[in-house]
């Protein structure tokens, strides 16, 4: 094992000339990485039917992104936004292989605007059933101080449309959201996205470090993707996955 001194590393780097070819290769690698992550992402469609004055059935569809977080031997569990599905009479989940199945609401948490949906394993496509492992996203650690400045990839619907993607870095991770009954960490990035963004923030190790929530950023950063730190959400996600309601007292602490 050879260990190079800082001066040696800098000398080697000074001899490397970066050109347009390297720039293209870097973005091609990022695009391929985002494509790998797409297997963990689903599109959730909330279908609502209404009868108009002429007794005609009108169907409206509201979509957002979700991420596959676990399976319990009978069901595949998906974490998604609650506000986008709250009015849906029927919930449809579209997987990376374009197969679509009906889902059920397992549990929700209105404080974080998150919900867990369940899909029966028997209802999955033959392609997904034939895989050795189901595509379940792994949670990373969002509490590290070294998180600031690290590259990240936003997948799902960061631009407000399904299957969109954004690249950038973490710009801040020390903001604490004082919400009802508990505090959450807000991680901010320099990725410009939509106010209707949904989806997940991944690091370059293939781990989830946050769930997109663009309604908590300050007024000067509304178009920049921000996320709940996944470490603070893990207990709530686990409870919802077990169909357990999150205890609610209604207390909010302020300075």
Protein backbone atom coordinates (compact mmCIF):
# COMPACT_ATOMS: atom_id res chain seq x y z
CA UNK A 1 0.00 0.00 0.00
CA UNK A 2 1.43 3.34 -1.11
CA UNK A 3 0.48 6.51 0.78
CA UNK A 4 1.11 9.78 -1.04
CA UNK A 5 1.79 13.05 0.72
CA UNK A 6 -0.45 16.03 0.04
CA UNK A 7 2.29 17.71 -2.01
CA UNK A 8 2.66 14.61 -4.20
CA UNK A 9 -1.08 14.46 -4.82
CA UNK A 10 -1.17 18.14 -5.78
CA UNK A 11 1.79 17.66 -8.12
CA UNK A 12 0.02 14.77 -9.89
CA UNK A 13 -3.22 16.75 -10.18
CA UNK A 14 -1.37 19.78 -11.58
CA UNK A 15 -0.22 17.62 -14.51
CA UNK A 16 -3.80 16.61 -15.41
CA UNK A 17 -5.53 18.77 -17.99
CA UNK A 18 -9.33 18.63 -17.87
CA UNK A 19 -11.19 19.32 -21.10
CA UNK A 20 -14.70 18.96 -22.55
CA UNK A 21 -14.25 15.20 -22.87
CA UNK A 22 -13.77 14.83 -19.10
CA UNK A 23 -16.80 17.03 -18.47
CA UNK A 24 -18.94 14.81 -20.72
CA UNK A 25 -17.61 11.66 -19.05
CA UNK A 26 -18.45 13.03 -15.60
CA UNK A 27 -22.06 13.79 -16.52
CA UNK A 28 -22.40 10.47 -18.35
CA UNK A 29 -21.32 8.75 -15.13
CA UNK A 30 -23.85 10.77 -13.11
CA UNK A 31 -26.60 9.93 -15.59
CA UNK A 32 -25.77 6.22 -15.40
CA UNK A 33 -25.78 6.42 -11.59
CA UNK A 34 -29.20 8.13 -11.56
CA UNK A 35 -30.49 5.37 -13.84
CA UNK A 36 -29.29 2.77 -11.32
CA UNK A 37 -31.16 4.56 -8.54
CA UNK A 38 -34.42 4.61 -10.53
CA UNK A 39 -35.18 1.02 -9.56
CA UNK A 40 -35.86 2.21 -5.99
CA UNK A 41 -38.25 4.95 -7.11
CA UNK A 42 -41.95 4.60 -7.92
CA UNK A 43 -44.63 6.93 -9.23
CA UNK A 44 -47.70 7.12 -7.00
CA UNK A 45 -50.97 8.09 -8.70
CA UNK A 46 -53.97 9.09 -6.61
CA UNK A 47 -57.13 8.57 -8.66
CA UNK A 48 -60.30 10.50 -7.75
CA UNK A 49 -63.64 10.03 -9.52
CA UNK A 50 -66.47 12.58 -9.49
CA UNK A 51 -69.88 12.82 -11.14
CA UNK A 52 -70.56 16.08 -12.99
CA UNK A 53 -73.94 17.77 -13.57
CA UNK A 54 -74.52 15.62 -16.66
CA UNK A 55 -73.95 12.41 -14.66
CA UNK A 56 -70.69 11.80 -16.51
CA UNK A 57 -67.80 10.31 -14.56
CA UNK A 58 -64.80 12.62 -14.38
CA UNK A 59 -61.53 11.15 -13.24
CA UNK A 60 -58.67 13.25 -11.87
CA UNK A 61 -55.15 12.00 -11.22
CA UNK A 62 -52.54 13.45 -8.89
CA UNK A 63 -48.98 12.12 -9.04
CA UNK A 64 -45.92 12.19 -6.83
CA UNK A 65 -42.83 10.05 -6.30
CA UNK A 66 -42.14 7.44 -3.64
CA UNK A 67 -39.25 5.24 -2.58
CA UNK A 68 -39.29 1.51 -1.73
CA UNK A 69 -38.11 1.26 1.88
CA UNK A 70 -38.76 -2.35 3.01
CA UNK A 71 -40.71 -5.58 2.68
CA UNK A 72 -42.21 -7.77 5.40
CA UNK A 73 -42.62 -11.06 3.56
CA UNK A 74 -46.13 -10.22 2.41
CA UNK A 75 -45.94 -6.60 1.29
CA UNK A 76 -43.60 -4.13 -0.34
CA UNK A 77 -43.60 -0.85 1.61
CA UNK A 78 -43.28 2.53 -0.07
CA UNK A 79 -42.61 5.94 1.51
CA UNK A 80 -44.30 8.88 -0.22
CA UNK A 81 -45.93 12.31 0.29
CA UNK A 82 -49.22 12.26 2.17
CA UNK A 83 -50.78 15.50 0.87
CA UNK A 84 -50.61 14.26 -2.74
CA UNK A 85 -52.59 11.09 -2.03
CA UNK A 86 -54.95 12.16 0.75
CA UNK A 87 -57.94 12.64 -1.55
CA UNK A 88 -57.33 9.59 -3.75
CA UNK A 89 -60.09 6.97 -3.83
CA UNK A 90 -57.65 4.57 -5.48
CA UNK A 91 -53.85 4.51 -5.27
CA UNK A 92 -51.74 3.15 -8.13
CA UNK A 93 -48.00 2.52 -7.98
CA UNK A 94 -45.88 2.41 -11.14
CA UNK A 95 -42.50 0.67 -10.81
CA UNK A 96 -39.29 1.13 -12.81
CA UNK A 97 -40.30 -1.65 -15.22
CA UNK A 98 -43.54 0.26 -16.02
CA UNK A 99 -45.67 -2.35 -14.24
CA UNK A 100 -48.57 -0.82 -12.30
CA UNK A 101 -50.40 -2.24 -9.29
CA UNK A 102 -52.90 -0.97 -6.76
CA UNK A 103 -51.59 0.07 -3.34
CA UNK A 104 -53.12 0.53 0.09
CA UNK A 105 -52.45 3.25 2.64
CA UNK A 106 -50.58 1.62 5.52
CA UNK A 107 -50.16 4.64 7.79
CA UNK A 108 -49.48 8.37 7.58
CA UNK A 109 -47.98 11.19 9.63
CA UNK A 110 -49.47 14.60 8.96
CA UNK A 111 -46.71 16.47 10.84
CA UNK A 112 -44.06 15.41 8.32
CA UNK A 113 -46.52 15.00 5.41
CA UNK A 114 -45.30 11.44 4.85
CA UNK A 115 -47.17 8.19 4.33
CA UNK A 116 -46.31 4.53 3.86
CA UNK A 117 -48.14 2.51 1.21
CA UNK A 118 -48.22 -1.26 0.89
CA UNK A 119 -48.26 -3.40 -2.25
CA UNK A 120 -48.85 -7.16 -2.04
CA UNK A 121 -45.76 -9.11 -3.16
CA UNK A 122 -48.01 -11.43 -5.15
CA UNK A 123 -49.13 -8.47 -7.26
CA UNK A 124 -45.61 -7.59 -8.45
CA UNK A 125 -44.58 -8.19 -12.05
CA UNK A 126 -42.79 -11.39 -13.02
CA UNK A 127 -39.67 -9.35 -13.77
CA UNK A 128 -39.50 -8.05 -10.20
CA UNK A 129 -40.38 -11.44 -8.70
CA UNK A 130 -37.59 -13.10 -10.67
CA UNK A 131 -34.92 -10.83 -9.17
CA UNK A 132 -32.73 -12.27 -6.43
CA UNK A 133 -33.33 -9.18 -4.31
CA UNK A 134 -36.18 -6.71 -4.40
CA UNK A 135 -35.03 -3.11 -5.06
CA UNK A 136 -35.14 -1.74 -1.50
CA UNK A 137 -33.36 1.55 -0.84
CA UNK A 138 -30.81 1.66 1.98
CA UNK A 139 -30.89 4.49 4.52
CA UNK A 140 -27.67 6.41 5.11
CA UNK A 141 -26.64 8.73 7.95
CA UNK A 142 -27.70 12.36 7.68
CA UNK A 143 -26.20 13.56 10.96
CA UNK A 144 -22.55 13.82 9.90
CA UNK A 145 -20.97 17.28 10.04
CA UNK A 146 -18.93 16.38 6.96
CA UNK A 147 -22.13 16.21 4.90
CA UNK A 148 -21.80 19.83 3.75
CA UNK A 149 -20.04 20.06 0.39
CA UNK A 150 -20.62 16.42 -0.57
CA UNK A 151 -22.20 15.67 -3.97
CA UNK A 152 -25.78 14.38 -4.02
CA UNK A 153 -28.40 13.26 -6.54
CA UNK A 154 -32.11 14.12 -6.28
CA UNK A 155 -34.35 11.54 -7.97
CA UNK A 156 -38.10 11.02 -8.29
CA UNK A 157 -39.80 14.32 -9.12
CA UNK A 158 -37.38 17.06 -8.01
CA UNK A 159 -38.38 19.18 -11.02
CA UNK A 160 -42.10 18.61 -10.43
CA UNK A 161 -42.41 15.90 -13.08
CA UNK A 162 -41.95 12.15 -12.71
CA UNK A 163 -38.57 10.61 -13.52
CA UNK A 164 -36.70 13.90 -13.31
CA UNK A 165 -33.26 14.22 -11.73
CA UNK A 166 -30.99 16.89 -10.27
CA UNK A 167 -27.29 16.97 -9.35
CA UNK A 168 -25.58 19.21 -6.82
CA UNK A 169 -23.98 19.43 -3.40
CA UNK A 170 -25.21 19.78 0.17
CA UNK A 171 -24.94 23.45 1.12
CA UNK A 172 -26.28 23.32 4.68
CA UNK A 173 -27.13 20.65 7.22
CA UNK A 174 -27.32 22.50 10.53
CA UNK A 175 -30.88 23.84 10.28
CA UNK A 176 -33.27 22.41 12.87
CA UNK A 177 -37.01 22.40 12.22
CA UNK A 178 -38.92 22.82 15.48
CA UNK A 179 -42.16 20.99 14.72
CA UNK A 180 -44.95 19.49 16.79
CA UNK A 181 -43.60 16.95 19.31
CA UNK A 182 -40.10 16.68 17.88
CA UNK A 183 -37.31 18.36 15.95
CA UNK A 184 -36.11 17.45 12.48
CA UNK A 185 -32.96 18.27 10.55
CA UNK A 186 -33.35 20.21 7.30
CA UNK A 187 -30.66 19.53 4.70
CA UNK A 188 -30.37 22.09 1.91
CA UNK A 189 -28.76 21.75 -1.50
CA UNK A 190 -27.89 23.95 -4.47
CA UNK A 191 -30.15 21.88 -6.78
CA UNK A 192 -32.76 24.12 -8.37
CA UNK A 193 -36.12 22.36 -8.42
CA UNK A 194 -39.87 22.79 -8.27
CA UNK A 195 -42.12 23.92 -5.43
CA UNK A 196 -44.06 20.73 -6.18
CA UNK A 197 -40.96 18.55 -5.86
CA UNK A 198 -41.10 15.09 -4.33
CA UNK A 199 -38.69 12.20 -4.15
CA UNK A 200 -35.43 11.32 -2.47
CA UNK A 201 -31.89 12.64 -2.04
CA UNK A 202 -29.14 10.03 -2.48
CA UNK A 203 -25.44 10.30 -1.74
CA UNK A 204 -22.88 8.77 -4.09
CA UNK A 205 -22.79 5.54 -2.07
CA UNK A 206 -26.35 4.66 -3.12
CA UNK A 207 -27.89 5.53 0.25
CA UNK A 208 -30.88 7.72 1.03
CA UNK A 209 -29.90 10.74 3.13
CA UNK A 210 -33.15 12.70 2.90
CA UNK A 211 -36.77 12.92 1.76
CA UNK A 212 -37.59 15.97 -0.34
CA UNK A 213 -39.75 18.62 1.36
CA UNK A 214 -39.67 21.97 -0.39
CA UNK A 215 -42.26 23.70 1.81
CA UNK A 216 -39.89 24.09 4.78
CA UNK A 217 -37.12 26.15 3.18
CA UNK A 218 -36.86 29.90 3.77
CA UNK A 219 -38.47 32.37 1.39
CA UNK A 220 -35.11 33.10 -0.26
CA UNK A 221 -34.49 29.40 -1.06
CA UNK A 222 -37.89 28.21 -2.27
CA UNK A 223 -36.59 26.90 -5.58
CA UNK A 224 -33.69 24.97 -4.07
CA UNK A 225 -34.22 21.34 -3.11
CA UNK A 226 -34.31 20.75 0.65
CA UNK A 227 -34.93 17.49 2.48
CA UNK A 228 -35.74 16.05 5.88
CA UNK A 229 -32.64 14.25 7.20
CA UNK A 230 -33.35 10.51 7.01
CA UNK A 231 -31.74 9.75 10.39
CA UNK A 232 -34.39 11.79 12.24
CA UNK A 233 -37.17 10.17 10.20
CA UNK A 234 -36.18 6.52 10.65
CA UNK A 235 -38.23 5.84 13.80
CA UNK A 236 -41.35 7.39 12.27
CA UNK A 237 -40.90 5.46 9.01
CA UNK A 238 -40.49 2.25 11.02
CA UNK A 239 -43.69 2.91 12.97
CA UNK A 240 -45.67 3.69 9.82
CA UNK A 241 -44.29 0.56 8.15
CA UNK A 242 -45.71 -1.44 11.05
CA UNK A 243 -49.08 0.35 10.66
CA UNK A 244 -48.54 1.95 14.08
CA UNK A 245 -49.80 5.50 14.61
CA UNK A 246 -47.20 8.04 15.71
CA UNK A 247 -47.87 9.24 19.27
CA UNK A 248 -49.17 12.81 19.26
CA UNK A 249 -49.12 15.30 22.14
CA UNK A 250 -49.30 18.58 20.25
CA UNK A 251 -46.36 20.24 21.98
CA UNK A 252 -44.08 22.59 20.12
CA UNK A 253 -41.05 24.17 21.82
CA UNK A 254 -39.82 27.64 20.90
CA UNK A 255 -37.09 29.96 22.18
